[in-house]
Amino acid sequence: MEQLEFKRYWYITFALLGIIGVVMYLLHIIIGNILYDGYEPLRQAISDLTSESSPVRDKVLIFTSIHGCFINFFCFGLLIINLGRVNKLVSLAYLLFFIMNFISFVGYSFFPLSEEGYAGTFSDVMHLVVTGLVVVLSLGSLGLFFFGYKKEKDEKMLAIGSIVALVLMFVGAILTFSLPESLLGLSERISIYSLQIFTVLLAVRLLIKKPTVKASE
């Protein structure tokens, strides 16, 4: 695979986009929690903050919009910077990770929840479809990151980070079906926060170290 050459500032730029993007995502949750009177984080989904009936929707959408734009540029940067420099499993992992974030941004923008919980509208159904795609692509990319990077002696941090995030996402999924309704928000946050932490890990790795010059076989 042909390698594209990038100056060091591109690595820094894309890494900062990733870190700032995650910060924007966390800010929408924090500010939404503060401004949404009666919101219960342990019970309610994060998507309730941006549902069409949410009283704080207009206030937090700016943060989710910045998050979506920045994270997608970051993931695209990861994809093209690593082109020809990593093995095939990791290349596929970056591709799935980019597709996952793109679907998440576009899908949730077009299909927000109509109201708190699930009301059964077309938008609600599509919201669940988008969620299913995001979960599958997230699990797939994390698995590929682990199996691809565990072969690289200099990338143990990413291998460990990906398997930890993968396990936590499975734990979150299991808890979704085992916890009472009053704690469903907790199970969702375990999965989402683990993915956000791994995103920061990818950004930090890009910030402090260039990818391997030669692709692995």
Protein backbone atom coordinates (compact mmCIF):
# COMPACT_ATOMS: atom_id res chain seq x y z
CA MET A 1 0.00 0.00 0.00
CA GLU A 2 1.40 3.43 -0.96
CA GLN A 3 2.37 5.59 1.98
CA LEU A 4 1.23 9.21 2.20
CA GLU A 5 3.72 11.64 3.68
CA PHE A 6 2.62 14.09 6.36
CA LYS A 7 4.44 16.82 8.23
CA ARG A 8 4.60 16.54 12.01
CA TYR A 9 2.02 19.32 12.48
CA TRP A 10 -0.63 17.12 10.83
CA TYR A 11 -0.14 14.49 13.53
CA ILE A 12 -0.54 17.14 16.20
CA THR A 13 -3.56 18.71 14.49
CA PHE A 14 -5.47 15.45 14.10
CA ALA A 15 -4.59 14.37 17.65
CA LEU A 16 -5.88 17.63 19.10
CA LEU A 17 -9.08 17.31 17.08
CA GLY A 18 -9.64 13.92 18.69
CA ILE A 19 -8.97 15.12 22.22
CA ILE A 20 -11.09 18.27 21.85
CA GLY A 21 -13.84 16.20 20.25
CA VAL A 22 -14.04 13.92 23.29
CA VAL A 23 -14.00 16.96 25.61
CA MET A 24 -16.96 18.41 23.68
CA TYR A 25 -18.85 15.15 24.10
CA LEU A 26 -18.25 15.13 27.84
CA LEU A 27 -19.24 18.80 28.09
CA HIS A 28 -22.60 18.13 26.45
CA ILE A 29 -23.27 15.52 29.12
CA ILE A 30 -22.05 17.64 32.03
CA ILE A 31 -23.84 20.81 30.95
CA GLY A 32 -26.95 18.85 30.01
CA ASN A 33 -27.00 17.27 33.48
CA ILE A 34 -26.71 20.67 35.11
CA LEU A 35 -29.36 22.43 33.02
CA TYR A 36 -31.88 19.58 32.63
CA ASP A 37 -33.96 19.86 35.78
CA GLY A 38 -34.96 16.40 36.97
CA TYR A 39 -32.59 14.49 34.69
CA GLU A 40 -31.47 11.20 36.26
CA PRO A 41 -28.11 10.01 34.85
CA LEU A 42 -28.34 6.55 36.42
CA ARG A 43 -31.74 5.93 34.85
CA GLN A 44 -31.86 7.94 31.64
CA ALA A 45 -29.93 7.51 28.42
CA ILE A 46 -27.46 10.15 27.26
CA SER A 47 -29.58 10.50 24.10
CA ASP A 48 -32.39 11.91 26.26
CA LEU A 49 -30.37 15.12 26.51
CA THR A 50 -30.70 15.70 22.75
CA SER A 51 -34.16 14.22 22.24
CA GLU A 52 -36.69 16.42 20.44
CA SER A 53 -38.58 16.98 23.70
CA SER A 54 -35.49 17.76 25.78
CA PRO A 55 -35.55 21.23 27.37
CA VAL A 56 -31.77 21.49 26.93
CA ARG A 57 -31.56 20.19 23.36
CA ASP A 58 -30.68 23.54 21.77
CA LYS A 59 -28.07 24.25 24.45
CA VAL A 60 -26.14 20.98 24.11
CA LEU A 61 -26.41 20.43 20.35
CA ILE A 62 -23.55 22.87 19.77
CA PHE A 63 -21.26 20.58 21.75
CA THR A 64 -22.40 17.39 20.01
CA SER A 65 -22.04 19.10 16.61
CA ILE A 66 -18.46 20.15 17.34
CA HIS A 67 -17.78 16.69 18.75
CA GLY A 68 -19.07 14.98 15.62
CA CYS A 69 -17.12 17.19 13.21
CA PHE A 70 -13.86 17.02 15.15
CA ILE A 71 -14.01 13.28 15.81
CA ASN A 72 -14.74 12.48 12.18
CA PHE A 73 -11.82 14.61 10.97
CA PHE A 74 -9.67 12.90 13.61
CA CYS A 75 -10.71 9.41 12.51
CA PHE A 76 -10.18 10.30 8.86
CA GLY A 77 -6.74 11.60 9.80
CA LEU A 78 -5.93 8.34 11.59
CA LEU A 79 -7.02 6.40 8.54
CA ILE A 80 -4.94 8.27 5.97
CA ILE A 81 -1.88 8.80 8.19
CA ASN A 82 -1.65 5.08 8.93
CA LEU A 83 -2.23 4.09 5.30
CA GLY A 84 0.55 1.69 4.34
CA ARG A 85 2.19 1.87 7.77
CA VAL A 86 0.24 -0.72 9.73
CA ASN A 87 -0.80 -4.33 9.17
CA LYS A 88 -4.06 -5.26 7.45
CA LEU A 89 -5.99 -5.92 10.68
CA VAL A 90 -5.17 -2.50 12.08
CA SER A 91 -5.92 -0.84 8.72
CA LEU A 92 -9.37 -2.43 8.77
CA ALA A 93 -9.81 -1.39 12.39
CA TYR A 94 -9.17 2.27 11.51
CA LEU A 95 -11.61 2.01 8.61
CA LEU A 96 -14.38 0.54 10.79
CA PHE A 97 -13.65 3.10 13.50
CA PHE A 98 -14.08 5.92 10.99
CA ILE A 99 -17.29 4.42 9.55
CA MET A 100 -18.67 3.92 13.07
CA ASN A 101 -18.11 7.54 14.04
CA PHE A 102 -19.49 8.80 10.73
CA ILE A 103 -22.67 6.74 11.10
CA SER A 104 -22.98 7.87 14.72
CA PHE A 105 -22.71 11.56 13.82
CA VAL A 106 -24.98 11.51 10.78
CA GLY A 107 -27.43 8.92 12.13
CA TYR A 108 -28.06 10.54 15.49
CA SER A 109 -28.28 13.98 13.86
CA PHE A 110 -31.05 12.83 11.51
CA PHE A 111 -32.77 10.50 13.95
CA PRO A 112 -32.84 11.86 17.51
CA LEU A 113 -35.17 10.31 20.05
CA SER A 114 -38.61 11.92 19.82
CA GLU A 115 -38.85 12.06 23.60
CA GLU A 116 -37.36 10.56 26.74
CA GLY A 117 -37.07 6.78 26.48
CA TYR A 118 -38.67 5.11 23.48
CA ALA A 119 -41.96 6.32 21.98
CA GLY A 120 -41.98 4.05 18.93
CA THR A 121 -41.87 6.76 16.26
CA PHE A 122 -39.97 6.29 12.99
CA SER A 123 -37.17 8.47 14.34
CA ASP A 124 -36.99 6.33 17.48
CA VAL A 125 -36.79 3.12 15.45
CA MET A 126 -34.03 4.52 13.26
CA HIS A 127 -32.25 5.77 16.37
CA LEU A 128 -32.12 2.17 17.61
CA VAL A 129 -30.92 0.97 14.20
CA VAL A 130 -28.10 3.52 14.29
CA THR A 131 -27.24 2.44 17.83
CA GLY A 132 -27.06 -1.20 16.73
CA LEU A 133 -24.72 -0.34 13.86
CA VAL A 134 -22.53 1.78 16.14
CA VAL A 135 -22.26 -1.01 18.71
CA VAL A 136 -21.39 -3.68 16.13
CA LEU A 137 -18.82 -1.49 14.39
CA SER A 138 -17.33 -0.42 17.73
CA LEU A 139 -16.91 -4.01 18.88
CA GLY A 140 -15.50 -5.02 15.51
CA SER A 141 -12.96 -2.22 15.37
CA LEU A 142 -11.83 -2.78 18.97
CA GLY A 143 -11.35 -6.48 18.31
CA LEU A 144 -9.31 -5.75 15.19
CA PHE A 145 -7.23 -3.15 17.03
CA PHE A 146 -6.40 -5.75 19.68
CA PHE A 147 -5.49 -8.60 17.33
CA GLY A 148 -3.63 -6.26 14.99
CA TYR A 149 -1.67 -4.29 17.56
CA LYS A 150 -0.79 -7.20 19.82
CA LYS A 151 1.59 -8.27 17.04
CA GLU A 152 3.43 -4.95 17.31
CA LYS A 153 5.88 -4.81 20.22
CA ASP A 154 5.82 -1.00 20.26
CA GLU A 155 2.03 -0.78 20.38
CA LYS A 156 1.18 -2.76 23.52
CA MET A 157 -0.56 0.26 25.04
CA LEU A 158 -3.12 0.35 22.23
CA ALA A 159 -3.53 -3.43 22.30
CA ILE A 160 -4.26 -3.37 26.04
CA GLY A 161 -6.48 -0.30 25.72
CA SER A 162 -8.56 -1.86 22.97
CA ILE A 163 -9.17 -5.14 24.80
CA VAL A 164 -10.08 -3.29 28.02
CA ALA A 165 -12.55 -1.11 26.10
CA LEU A 166 -13.94 -4.19 24.35
CA VAL A 167 -14.50 -6.02 27.64
CA LEU A 168 -16.14 -2.95 29.22
CA MET A 169 -18.49 -2.61 26.25
CA PHE A 170 -19.53 -6.23 26.69
CA VAL A 171 -20.01 -5.63 30.41
CA GLY A 172 -22.19 -2.63 29.62
CA ALA A 173 -24.27 -4.69 27.18
CA ILE A 174 -24.73 -7.48 29.71
CA LEU A 175 -25.73 -5.04 32.45
CA THR A 176 -28.31 -3.51 30.12
CA PHE A 177 -30.25 -6.78 30.27
CA SER A 178 -29.60 -7.53 33.94
CA LEU A 179 -29.86 -4.22 35.79
CA PRO A 180 -33.22 -2.75 36.84
CA GLU A 181 -34.66 0.05 34.75
CA SER A 182 -33.57 2.57 37.36
CA LEU A 183 -29.91 1.82 36.51
CA LEU A 184 -30.01 1.51 32.72
CA GLY A 185 -28.20 4.80 32.33
CA LEU A 186 -25.24 3.36 34.22
CA SER A 187 -24.83 0.39 31.88
CA GLU A 188 -24.93 2.66 28.83
CA ARG A 189 -22.29 4.96 30.29
CA ILE A 190 -19.90 2.08 30.95
CA SER A 191 -19.89 1.28 27.23
CA ILE A 192 -19.80 4.85 25.95
CA TYR A 193 -17.15 6.16 28.33
CA SER A 194 -14.87 3.21 27.63
CA LEU A 195 -15.04 4.03 23.91
CA GLN A 196 -14.35 7.71 24.59
CA ILE A 197 -11.31 6.84 26.71
CA PHE A 198 -9.97 4.61 23.94
CA THR A 199 -10.47 7.46 21.47
CA VAL A 200 -8.32 9.68 23.70
CA LEU A 201 -5.74 6.90 23.85
CA LEU A 202 -5.57 6.84 20.04
CA ALA A 203 -5.19 10.62 19.99
CA VAL A 204 -2.44 10.65 22.62
CA ARG A 205 -0.57 7.92 20.78
CA LEU A 206 -0.73 9.98 17.59
CA LEU A 207 0.36 13.08 19.48
CA ILE A 208 3.50 11.62 21.00
CA LYS A 209 4.67 9.11 18.42
CA LYS A 210 4.55 8.75 14.66
CA PRO A 211 3.22 5.50 13.14
CA THR A 212 5.67 2.87 11.98
CA VAL A 213 7.15 3.79 8.62
CA LYS A 214 7.00 0.33 7.14
CA ALA A 215 3.81 -1.68 7.05
CA SER A 216 3.85 -5.00 8.87
CA GLU A 217 3.20 -8.17 6.96
